[in-house]
Structure formats: C-alpha cells, structure tokens
Amino acid sequence: MTTHFITAEINLQETPDQLHKAIEAELKKQGEPLRWAITSVDAERQKVTVEAVVTRN
C-alpha cells in the first residue's frame, strides 16, 4: 500500500451534503481517501479545489 498526494477540481453543488458526496466519489477514483481539504473556491467558475492523501494497493 502506498500513499499519494492528489489535487482535484470539483464542481460546486447545490448543498454541502451533495458537495461532500461529489468530493468523496471523485477521490475514490484515485484510491482510498485518508484525508482531504477544500483549499480554494472559484465562485466565478463554480469549482472547488481539493487536496487529498489517498492510499493505493
């Protein structure tokens, strides 16, 4: 198992719960998320930037 630092851009969602689910789904594509944080929000483009640490086998 190895850990990787990744950055992802996610579309803003209607509710915080939907945003959380969208972030988790995107991170699952890269591995198993250990921790993540929203590091920036671009309101004009309706995107959030997420930085995460994931594990992969």
Protein backbone atom coordinates (compact mmCIF):
# COMPACT_ATOMS: atom_id res chain seq x y z
CA MET A 1 0.00 0.00 0.00
CA THR A 2 1.31 3.42 -0.95
CA THR A 3 0.10 6.92 -0.18
CA HIS A 4 -0.28 9.64 -2.80
CA PHE A 5 -0.97 13.37 -2.62
CA ILE A 6 -3.53 14.43 -5.22
CA THR A 7 -5.33 17.60 -6.28
CA ALA A 8 -8.78 17.57 -7.86
CA GLU A 9 -11.21 20.16 -9.19
CA ILE A 10 -14.85 19.50 -8.32
CA ASN A 11 -17.96 21.35 -9.50
CA LEU A 12 -19.78 23.26 -6.78
CA GLN A 13 -23.01 21.54 -5.77
CA GLU A 14 -26.38 22.83 -4.56
CA THR A 15 -25.89 21.74 -0.94
CA PRO A 16 -22.90 20.99 1.31
CA ASP A 17 -24.02 17.35 1.54
CA GLN A 18 -24.02 16.99 -2.25
CA LEU A 19 -20.59 18.62 -2.44
CA HIS A 20 -19.24 16.22 0.19
CA LYS A 21 -20.57 13.23 -1.76
CA ALA A 22 -19.14 14.55 -5.05
CA ILE A 23 -15.71 15.03 -3.46
CA GLU A 24 -15.73 11.54 -1.92
CA ALA A 25 -16.78 9.97 -5.25
CA GLU A 26 -14.03 11.75 -7.18
CA LEU A 27 -11.37 10.82 -4.63
CA LYS A 28 -12.45 7.16 -4.67
CA LYS A 29 -11.45 7.08 -8.35
CA GLN A 30 -7.85 7.76 -7.24
CA GLY A 31 -7.71 5.42 -4.23
CA GLU A 32 -8.95 5.25 -0.64
CA PRO A 33 -9.04 8.78 0.85
CA LEU A 34 -7.22 9.18 4.17
CA ARG A 35 -7.82 12.90 4.49
CA TRP A 36 -8.82 15.79 2.27
CA ALA A 37 -9.46 19.52 2.40
CA ILE A 38 -11.01 22.15 0.18
CA THR A 39 -8.13 24.54 -0.46
CA SER A 40 -9.78 27.07 -2.76
CA VAL A 41 -13.12 28.08 -4.20
CA ASP A 42 -13.55 29.73 -7.59
CA ALA A 43 -17.06 31.19 -7.44
CA GLU A 44 -16.85 32.54 -10.97
CA ARG A 45 -16.08 29.09 -12.46
CA GLN A 46 -18.21 27.28 -9.84
CA LYS A 47 -15.30 24.96 -8.91
CA VAL A 48 -13.58 23.94 -5.69
CA THR A 49 -10.02 22.66 -5.47
CA VAL A 50 -9.49 19.70 -3.16
CA GLU A 51 -6.15 18.40 -1.93
CA ALA A 52 -6.11 14.87 -0.57
CA VAL A 53 -3.98 11.98 0.59
CA VAL A 54 -5.14 8.62 -0.74
CA THR A 55 -3.83 5.06 -0.44
CA ARG A 56 -3.47 2.61 -3.31
CA ASN A 57 -2.58 -1.05 -3.33
